[in-house]
Structures are given as structure tokens and as C-alpha cells.
Amino acid sequence: MSAEPTIKVLVVEDHSVVREGIVSVLNRQENITVVAEAKNGKEAIALHADHQPDITLMDLRMPQIEGLEAVIQIRTASPQARIIILTTYDTDEDIYQCLQAGARGYLLKDATSQELTQAVRQVYQGKRFIPADVAMKLAERIESDELTAREIDVLEMMVQGSSTAKLSEALHISEGTVKFHVNNILQKLNAHDRTQAVVTALHRGIVRLKRD
């Protein structure tokens, strides 16, 4: 009887303490070994090319290149790459975009060691790993009306507190067109006013607050 093959894992996490904990958990498992560690998306892309791991555990928010872009670049170079997102962010937009980009699993960092191991083994077997609460948010995102690129532009400026006049000037469109886009945004986000639209968009991860 032949031994089971060892599952080679690349761990991508910018916080060293968290990364060390993940690596420790995985290396204690039978037939699983961490072959490389990355602290940002740029390193992840290079290390994936070098090691060709069976599974990549990918954080989302990282310096230099963020997780979503790293997923896209890795999958472009290696279409068969099996990537699991491991993050603290559970917004429906993050979940949707990562799975659309080709991630095979989405796991939150409060997951147990058993869930982490299960995710690695399940995705290695060619299956998906999407916990029930994540699947629920994904379903809500799929059922919702998608905002257009222009509506996202307007929404991002709304988050910064821009008035109709400022939106008009910055985007080179009339104030009437701004109001048209705002009304569409309110309808699609099921919001009563701009404030509720902004809160909803931030909560869902459609836009993010810009930091200086």
C-alpha cells in the first residue's frame, strides 16, 4: 500500500505571528508540509512560480500587492493553482471578487485548526471549501444588482463626503447626471439616502475608506 502524497502549501500572510501560527498548525498535520512563506502579494507570486505548491493560503490585505491581485496574477500564470483565501474580511464583495478570480476556498481567521486542515485537504482533492456563513453572503451578493463602473466612481466620492457639485466637477458630468447615478446607487443598495448608501457600501466592502 503506497503512502499518500504530501500536500505542499504556500502560506501568504503579512503578520509574522499569525503566519507562524498557521505554519505550525499545518506542519503538525500528516501529509501536509509548508514549502514556502510570503509576507506580501509580490513575494507570493514569485514563490508560487518557484515552488508550484499544491495549495496556497492567501491573506487579502497586504502591502505592495494585495491578495486579490496576487490571486489573479498567480492564476494567470498557473491556471490550475488552488488558492484558499484566509482573512478577517467577510464582506460579500471580497468573497465574490476572490471566488470570481479563481480562489477555491474562503476561510476566516477565526477558523479552528481542524477547519483549516479540512479546507486544505478538500481543495487539494479538487473541491471547493466555502463555510455556510460565507456561502450565505456570497448568495446575497450574486442576487444583488451590480453597480456600474461609473456608479462605483460616484460612490467612492460619496464616501469622501463630496457634494453633487464636486462630483459633477471631478467626473466632468452634469449635476443632473450625478443625481441620476446617485438614484441608481440608492436603488441598487436598497438605501433611503446617501448616508445609508455609504454605510452599506462600506459594510459590504464595495468601497473602502481611503487613508492618508
C-alpha atoms as a PDB file:
ATOM      1  CA  MET A   1       0.000   0.000   0.000  1.00  0.00           C
ATOM      2  CA  SER A   2       1.555   3.299  -1.166  1.00  0.00           C
ATOM      3  CA  ALA A   3       1.752   6.283   1.155  1.00  0.00           C
ATOM      4  CA  GLU A   4      -0.438   9.301   0.485  1.00  0.00           C
ATOM      5  CA  PRO A   5       1.334  12.152  -1.312  1.00  0.00           C
ATOM      6  CA  THR A   6       2.417  15.123   0.763  1.00  0.00           C
ATOM      7  CA  ILE A   7       0.374  18.297   0.166  1.00  0.00           C
ATOM      8  CA  LYS A   8       2.770  21.208  -0.415  1.00  0.00           C
ATOM      9  CA  VAL A   9       1.467  24.527   0.920  1.00  0.00           C
ATOM     10  CA  LEU A  10       2.497  28.160   0.398  1.00  0.00           C
ATOM     11  CA  VAL A  11       1.388  30.437   3.262  1.00  0.00           C
ATOM     12  CA  VAL A  12       0.922  34.129   2.442  1.00  0.00           C
ATOM     13  CA  GLU A  13       0.382  36.392   5.469  1.00  0.00           C
ATOM     14  CA  ASP A  14       1.958  39.754   6.310  1.00  0.00           C
ATOM     15  CA  HIS A  15       1.684  39.430  10.114  1.00  0.00           C
ATOM     16  CA  SER A  16       4.554  37.223  11.252  1.00  0.00           C
ATOM     17  CA  VAL A  17       2.869  35.936  14.423  1.00  0.00           C
ATOM     18  CA  VAL A  18      -0.232  34.855  12.513  1.00  0.00           C
ATOM     19  CA  ARG A  19       1.859  33.339   9.732  1.00  0.00           C
ATOM     20  CA  GLU A  20       3.969  31.352  12.203  1.00  0.00           C
ATOM     21  CA  GLY A  21       0.806  30.038  13.851  1.00  0.00           C
ATOM     22  CA  ILE A  22      -0.652  28.872  10.537  1.00  0.00           C
ATOM     23  CA  VAL A  23       2.625  27.230   9.534  1.00  0.00           C
ATOM     24  CA  SER A  24       2.853  25.463  12.906  1.00  0.00           C
ATOM     25  CA  VAL A  25      -0.679  24.090  12.617  1.00  0.00           C
ATOM     26  CA  LEU A  26      -0.140  22.792   9.082  1.00  0.00           C
ATOM     27  CA  ASN A  27       3.276  21.249   9.690  1.00  0.00           C
ATOM     28  CA  ARG A  28       1.833  19.184  12.544  1.00  0.00           C
ATOM     29  CA  GLN A  29      -0.608  17.505  10.155  1.00  0.00           C
ATOM     30  CA  GLU A  30       0.088  14.204   8.446  1.00  0.00           C
ATOM     31  CA  ASN A  31       0.906  14.539   4.736  1.00  0.00           C
ATOM     32  CA  ILE A  32       0.913  18.359   4.807  1.00  0.00           C
ATOM     33  CA  THR A  33       4.062  20.482   4.691  1.00  0.00           C
ATOM     34  CA  VAL A  34       4.634  24.209   4.250  1.00  0.00           C
ATOM     35  CA  VAL A  35       7.205  24.652   1.478  1.00  0.00           C
ATOM     36  CA  ALA A  36       7.347  28.472   1.469  1.00  0.00           C
ATOM     37  CA  GLU A  37       6.153  31.582   3.317  1.00  0.00           C
ATOM     38  CA  ALA A  38       5.414  35.042   1.894  1.00  0.00           C
ATOM     39  CA  LYS A  39       4.653  38.296   3.685  1.00  0.00           C
ATOM     40  CA  ASN A  40       3.064  40.135   0.752  1.00  0.00           C
ATOM     41  CA  GLY A  41       1.458  39.521  -2.608  1.00  0.00           C
ATOM     42  CA  LYS A  42       4.624  40.270  -4.586  1.00  0.00           C
ATOM     43  CA  GLU A  43       6.559  37.573  -2.716  1.00  0.00           C
ATOM     44  CA  ALA A  44       3.610  35.199  -3.092  1.00  0.00           C
ATOM     45  CA  ILE A  45       3.650  35.472  -6.881  1.00  0.00           C
ATOM     46  CA  ALA A  46       7.409  34.819  -7.056  1.00  0.00           C
ATOM     47  CA  LEU A  47       7.355  31.950  -4.545  1.00  0.00           C
ATOM     48  CA  HIS A  48       4.411  30.283  -6.248  1.00  0.00           C
ATOM     49  CA  ALA A  49       6.343  30.290  -9.526  1.00  0.00           C
ATOM     50  CA  ASP A  50       9.409  28.842  -7.782  1.00  0.00           C
ATOM     51  CA  HIS A  51       7.723  26.147  -5.666  1.00  0.00           C
ATOM     52  CA  GLN A  52       4.492  25.354  -7.566  1.00  0.00           C
ATOM     53  CA  PRO A  53       2.664  24.428  -4.321  1.00  0.00           C
ATOM     54  CA  ASP A  54      -0.418  22.241  -4.310  1.00  0.00           C
ATOM     55  CA  ILE A  55      -2.281  24.764  -2.127  1.00  0.00           C
ATOM     56  CA  THR A  56      -1.763  28.472  -1.457  1.00  0.00           C
ATOM     57  CA  LEU A  57      -3.269  30.080   1.649  1.00  0.00           C
ATOM     58  CA  MET A  58      -3.661  33.763   0.782  1.00  0.00           C
ATOM     59  CA  ASP A  59      -4.317  36.751   3.036  1.00  0.00           C
ATOM     60  CA  LEU A  60      -6.282  39.647   1.484  1.00  0.00           C
ATOM     61  CA  ARG A  61      -4.956  42.921   2.877  1.00  0.00           C
ATOM     62  CA  MET A  62      -1.193  43.087   2.409  1.00  0.00           C
ATOM     63  CA  PRO A  63       1.469  45.630   1.404  1.00  0.00           C
ATOM     64  CA  GLN A  64       2.840  46.012  -2.145  1.00  0.00           C
ATOM     65  CA  ILE A  65       0.343  43.708  -3.860  1.00  0.00           C
ATOM     66  CA  GLU A  66      -2.918  42.750  -2.150  1.00  0.00           C
ATOM     67  CA  GLY A  67      -4.367  39.262  -2.056  1.00  0.00           C
ATOM     68  CA  LEU A  68      -6.950  39.623  -4.824  1.00  0.00           C
ATOM     69  CA  GLU A  69      -4.394  40.921  -7.331  1.00  0.00           C
ATOM     70  CA  ALA A  70      -1.971  38.167  -6.297  1.00  0.00           C
ATOM     71  CA  VAL A  71      -4.681  35.553  -6.924  1.00  0.00           C
ATOM     72  CA  ILE A  72      -5.310  36.999 -10.381  1.00  0.00           C
ATOM     73  CA  GLN A  73      -1.613  37.037 -11.304  1.00  0.00           C
ATOM     74  CA  ILE A  74      -0.934  33.542  -9.950  1.00  0.00           C
ATOM     75  CA  ARG A  75      -3.951  32.106 -11.724  1.00  0.00           C
ATOM     76  CA  THR A  76      -2.943  33.825 -14.959  1.00  0.00           C
ATOM     77  CA  ALA A  77       0.492  32.199 -14.809  1.00  0.00           C
ATOM     78  CA  SER A  78      -0.791  28.882 -13.387  1.00  0.00           C
ATOM     79  CA  PRO A  79      -4.497  28.337 -14.234  1.00  0.00           C
ATOM     80  CA  GLN A  80      -4.594  25.132 -12.184  1.00  0.00           C
ATOM     81  CA  ALA A  81      -3.381  26.861  -8.992  1.00  0.00           C
ATOM     82  CA  ARG A  82      -5.523  26.015  -5.964  1.00  0.00           C
ATOM     83  CA  ILE A  83      -5.855  29.042  -3.701  1.00  0.00           C
ATOM     84  CA  ILE A  84      -7.702  29.433  -0.404  1.00  0.00           C
ATOM     85  CA  ILE A  85      -8.358  32.913   0.953  1.00  0.00           C
ATOM     86  CA  LEU A  86      -7.645  33.133   4.687  1.00  0.00           C
ATOM     87  CA  THR A  87      -8.705  36.510   6.022  1.00  0.00           C
ATOM     88  CA  THR A  88     -10.509  38.512   8.685  1.00  0.00           C
ATOM     89  CA  TYR A  89     -12.660  40.175   5.988  1.00  0.00           C
ATOM     90  CA  ASP A  90     -16.057  38.615   5.369  1.00  0.00           C
ATOM     91  CA  THR A  91     -17.709  41.316   3.219  1.00  0.00           C
ATOM     92  CA  ASP A  92     -19.755  39.959   0.344  1.00  0.00           C
ATOM     93  CA  GLU A  93     -17.788  41.923  -2.256  1.00  0.00           C
ATOM     94  CA  ASP A  94     -14.451  40.488  -1.094  1.00  0.00           C
ATOM     95  CA  ILE A  95     -15.878  36.960  -1.163  1.00  0.00           C
ATOM     96  CA  TYR A  96     -17.430  37.439  -4.595  1.00  0.00           C
ATOM     97  CA  GLN A  97     -14.345  39.004  -6.205  1.00  0.00           C
ATOM     98  CA  CYS A  98     -11.931  36.406  -4.841  1.00  0.00           C
ATOM     99  CA  LEU A  99     -14.046  33.457  -5.975  1.00  0.00           C
ATOM    100  CA  GLN A 100     -14.593  35.121  -9.333  1.00  0.00           C
ATOM    101  CA  ALA A 101     -10.804  35.443  -9.634  1.00  0.00           C
ATOM    102  CA  GLY A 102     -10.466  31.688  -9.160  1.00  0.00           C
ATOM    103  CA  ALA A 103      -9.958  31.099  -5.441  1.00  0.00           C
ATOM    104  CA  ARG A 104     -11.240  27.647  -4.470  1.00  0.00           C
ATOM    105  CA  GLY A 105     -11.933  28.377  -0.809  1.00  0.00           C
ATOM    106  CA  TYR A 106     -12.636  31.241   1.570  1.00  0.00           C
ATOM    107  CA  LEU A 107     -11.824  30.830   5.238  1.00  0.00           C
ATOM    108  CA  LEU A 108     -11.935  33.347   8.083  1.00  0.00           C
ATOM    109  CA  LYS A 109      -9.036  33.614  10.529  1.00  0.00           C
ATOM    110  CA  ASP A 110     -11.224  32.643  13.472  1.00  0.00           C
ATOM    111  CA  ALA A 111     -11.493  29.166  11.941  1.00  0.00           C
ATOM    112  CA  THR A 112     -10.321  26.212  14.022  1.00  0.00           C
ATOM    113  CA  SER A 113      -7.194  24.202  13.235  1.00  0.00           C
ATOM    114  CA  GLN A 114      -9.494  21.390  12.145  1.00  0.00           C
ATOM    115  CA  GLU A 115     -11.325  23.659   9.672  1.00  0.00           C
ATOM    116  CA  LEU A 116      -8.035  24.936   8.282  1.00  0.00           C
ATOM    117  CA  THR A 117      -6.765  21.414   7.724  1.00  0.00           C
ATOM    118  CA  GLN A 118     -10.087  20.327   6.245  1.00  0.00           C
ATOM    119  CA  ALA A 119     -10.004  23.252   3.806  1.00  0.00           C
ATOM    120  CA  VAL A 120      -6.502  22.358   2.620  1.00  0.00           C
ATOM    121  CA  ARG A 121      -7.372  18.673   2.115  1.00  0.00           C
ATOM    122  CA  GLN A 122     -10.714  19.385   0.462  1.00  0.00           C
ATOM    123  CA  VAL A 123      -9.357  21.921  -2.022  1.00  0.00           C
ATOM    124  CA  TYR A 124      -6.402  19.615  -2.760  1.00  0.00           C
ATOM    125  CA  GLN A 125      -8.968  16.981  -3.758  1.00  0.00           C
ATOM    126  CA  GLY A 126     -10.368  19.379  -6.344  1.00  0.00           C
ATOM    127  CA  LYS A 127     -13.374  20.513  -4.307  1.00  0.00           C
ATOM    128  CA  ARG A 128     -14.348  23.954  -3.010  1.00  0.00           C
ATOM    129  CA  PHE A 129     -14.360  24.950   0.643  1.00  0.00           C
ATOM    130  CA  ILE A 130     -16.918  27.640   1.450  1.00  0.00           C
ATOM    131  CA  PRO A 131     -18.368  27.664   5.002  1.00  0.00           C
ATOM    132  CA  ALA A 132     -22.131  28.167   5.358  1.00  0.00           C
ATOM    133  CA  ASP A 133     -21.920  31.766   6.602  1.00  0.00           C
ATOM    134  CA  VAL A 134     -19.604  32.725   3.729  1.00  0.00           C
ATOM    135  CA  ALA A 135     -21.875  30.965   1.224  1.00  0.00           C
ATOM    136  CA  MET A 136     -24.848  32.962   2.530  1.00  0.00           C
ATOM    137  CA  LYS A 137     -23.067  36.274   1.942  1.00  0.00           C
ATOM    138  CA  LEU A 138     -21.988  35.116  -1.498  1.00  0.00           C
ATOM    139  CA  ALA A 139     -25.584  34.277  -2.390  1.00  0.00           C
ATOM    140  CA  GLU A 140     -26.724  37.718  -1.260  1.00  0.00           C
ATOM    141  CA  ARG A 141     -24.032  39.338  -3.414  1.00  0.00           C
ATOM    142  CA  ILE A 142     -24.988  37.316  -6.504  1.00  0.00           C
ATOM    143  CA  GLU A 143     -28.660  38.203  -6.081  1.00  0.00           C
ATOM    144  CA  SER A 144     -27.978  41.941  -5.732  1.00  0.00           C
ATOM    145  CA  ASP A 145     -27.852  44.344  -8.674  1.00  0.00           C
ATOM    146  CA  GLU A 146     -24.276  45.073  -9.697  1.00  0.00           C
ATOM    147  CA  LEU A 147     -23.083  48.658  -9.713  1.00  0.00           C
ATOM    148  CA  THR A 148     -21.571  50.026 -12.920  1.00  0.00           C
ATOM    149  CA  ALA A 149     -18.009  51.358 -13.046  1.00  0.00           C
ATOM    150  CA  ARG A 150     -19.330  54.929 -13.151  1.00  0.00           C
ATOM    151  CA  GLU A 151     -21.601  54.280 -10.164  1.00  0.00           C
ATOM    152  CA  ILE A 152     -18.578  52.984  -8.242  1.00  0.00           C
ATOM    153  CA  ASP A 153     -16.737  56.209  -9.121  1.00  0.00           C
ATOM    154  CA  VAL A 154     -19.633  58.262  -7.767  1.00  0.00           C
ATOM    155  CA  LEU A 155     -19.927  56.078  -4.664  1.00  0.00           C
ATOM    156  CA  GLU A 156     -16.215  56.376  -3.861  1.00  0.00           C
ATOM    157  CA  MET A 157     -16.532  60.184  -3.912  1.00  0.00           C
ATOM    158  CA  MET A 158     -19.699  59.985  -1.826  1.00  0.00           C
ATOM    159  CA  VAL A 159     -17.696  58.116   0.803  1.00  0.00           C
ATOM    160  CA  GLN A 160     -15.324  61.092   0.913  1.00  0.00           C
ATOM    161  CA  GLY A 161     -18.297  63.407   1.506  1.00  0.00           C
ATOM    162  CA  SER A 162     -18.313  65.047  -1.939  1.00  0.00           C
ATOM    163  CA  SER A 163     -21.352  67.138  -2.830  1.00  0.00           C
ATOM    164  CA  THR A 164     -23.277  66.898  -6.095  1.00  0.00           C
ATOM    165  CA  ALA A 165     -21.401  69.955  -7.376  1.00  0.00           C
ATOM    166  CA  LYS A 166     -17.996  68.466  -6.534  1.00  0.00           C
ATOM    167  CA  LEU A 167     -18.965  65.144  -8.105  1.00  0.00           C
ATOM    168  CA  SER A 168     -20.047  66.966 -11.248  1.00  0.00           C
ATOM    169  CA  GLU A 169     -16.784  68.871 -11.486  1.00  0.00           C
ATOM    170  CA  ALA A 170     -14.482  65.941 -10.683  1.00  0.00           C
ATOM    171  CA  LEU A 171     -16.176  63.465 -13.014  1.00  0.00           C
ATOM    172  CA  HIS A 172     -16.890  66.008 -15.788  1.00  0.00           C
ATOM    173  CA  ILE A 173     -20.598  65.227 -15.893  1.00  0.00           C
ATOM    174  CA  SER A 174     -23.659  67.393 -15.295  1.00  0.00           C
ATOM    175  CA  GLU A 175     -25.287  67.652 -11.876  1.00  0.00           C
ATOM    176  CA  GLY A 176     -28.368  66.031 -13.387  1.00  0.00           C
ATOM    177  CA  THR A 177     -26.279  63.019 -14.429  1.00  0.00           C
ATOM    178  CA  VAL A 178     -24.773  62.860 -10.933  1.00  0.00           C
ATOM    179  CA  LYS A 179     -28.267  62.749  -9.424  1.00  0.00           C
ATOM    180  CA  PHE A 180     -29.237  60.033 -11.914  1.00  0.00           C
ATOM    181  CA  HIS A 181     -26.257  57.896 -10.809  1.00  0.00           C
ATOM    182  CA  VAL A 182     -26.949  58.564  -7.123  1.00  0.00           C
ATOM    183  CA  ASN A 183     -30.573  57.476  -7.516  1.00  0.00           C
ATOM    184  CA  ASN A 184     -29.431  54.261  -9.201  1.00  0.00           C
ATOM    185  CA  ILE A 185     -26.964  53.628  -6.375  1.00  0.00           C
ATOM    186  CA  LEU A 186     -29.660  54.134  -3.735  1.00  0.00           C
ATOM    187  CA  GLN A 187     -31.963  51.732  -5.541  1.00  0.00           C
ATOM    188  CA  LYS A 188     -29.342  49.025  -6.042  1.00  0.00           C
ATOM    189  CA  LEU A 189     -28.155  49.230  -2.417  1.00  0.00           C
ATOM    190  CA  ASN A 190     -31.711  49.458  -1.107  1.00  0.00           C
ATOM    191  CA  ALA A 191     -30.774  52.700   0.675  1.00  0.00           C
ATOM    192  CA  HIS A 192     -33.043  55.607   1.619  1.00  0.00           C
ATOM    193  CA  ASP A 193     -30.379  58.307   1.381  1.00  0.00           C
ATOM    194  CA  ARG A 194     -26.701  58.913   0.649  1.00  0.00           C
ATOM    195  CA  THR A 195     -25.585  58.226   4.207  1.00  0.00           C
ATOM    196  CA  GLN A 196     -27.239  54.819   4.270  1.00  0.00           C
ATOM    197  CA  ALA A 197     -25.784  54.040   0.831  1.00  0.00           C
ATOM    198  CA  VAL A 198     -22.278  54.876   2.036  1.00  0.00           C
ATOM    199  CA  VAL A 199     -22.664  52.804   5.217  1.00  0.00           C
ATOM    200  CA  THR A 200     -24.000  49.850   3.214  1.00  0.00           C
ATOM    201  CA  ALA A 201     -21.217  50.100   0.635  1.00  0.00           C
ATOM    202  CA  LEU A 202     -18.523  50.189   3.317  1.00  0.00           C
ATOM    203  CA  HIS A 203     -20.103  47.300   5.224  1.00  0.00           C
ATOM    204  CA  ARG A 204     -20.292  45.159   2.094  1.00  0.00           C
ATOM    205  CA  GLY A 205     -16.759  46.027   1.013  1.00  0.00           C
ATOM    206  CA  ILE A 206     -17.839  47.619  -2.270  1.00  0.00           C
ATOM    207  CA  VAL A 207     -15.691  50.645  -1.420  1.00  0.00           C
ATOM    208  CA  ARG A 208     -13.146  51.357   1.284  1.00  0.00           C
ATOM    209  CA  LEU A 209     -12.210  54.435   3.264  1.00  0.00           C
ATOM    210  CA  LYS A 210      -9.061  55.999   1.883  1.00  0.00           C
ATOM    211  CA  ARG A 211      -6.319  56.625   4.423  1.00  0.00           C
ATOM    212  CA  ASP A 212      -3.736  59.360   4.120  1.00  0.00           C
END
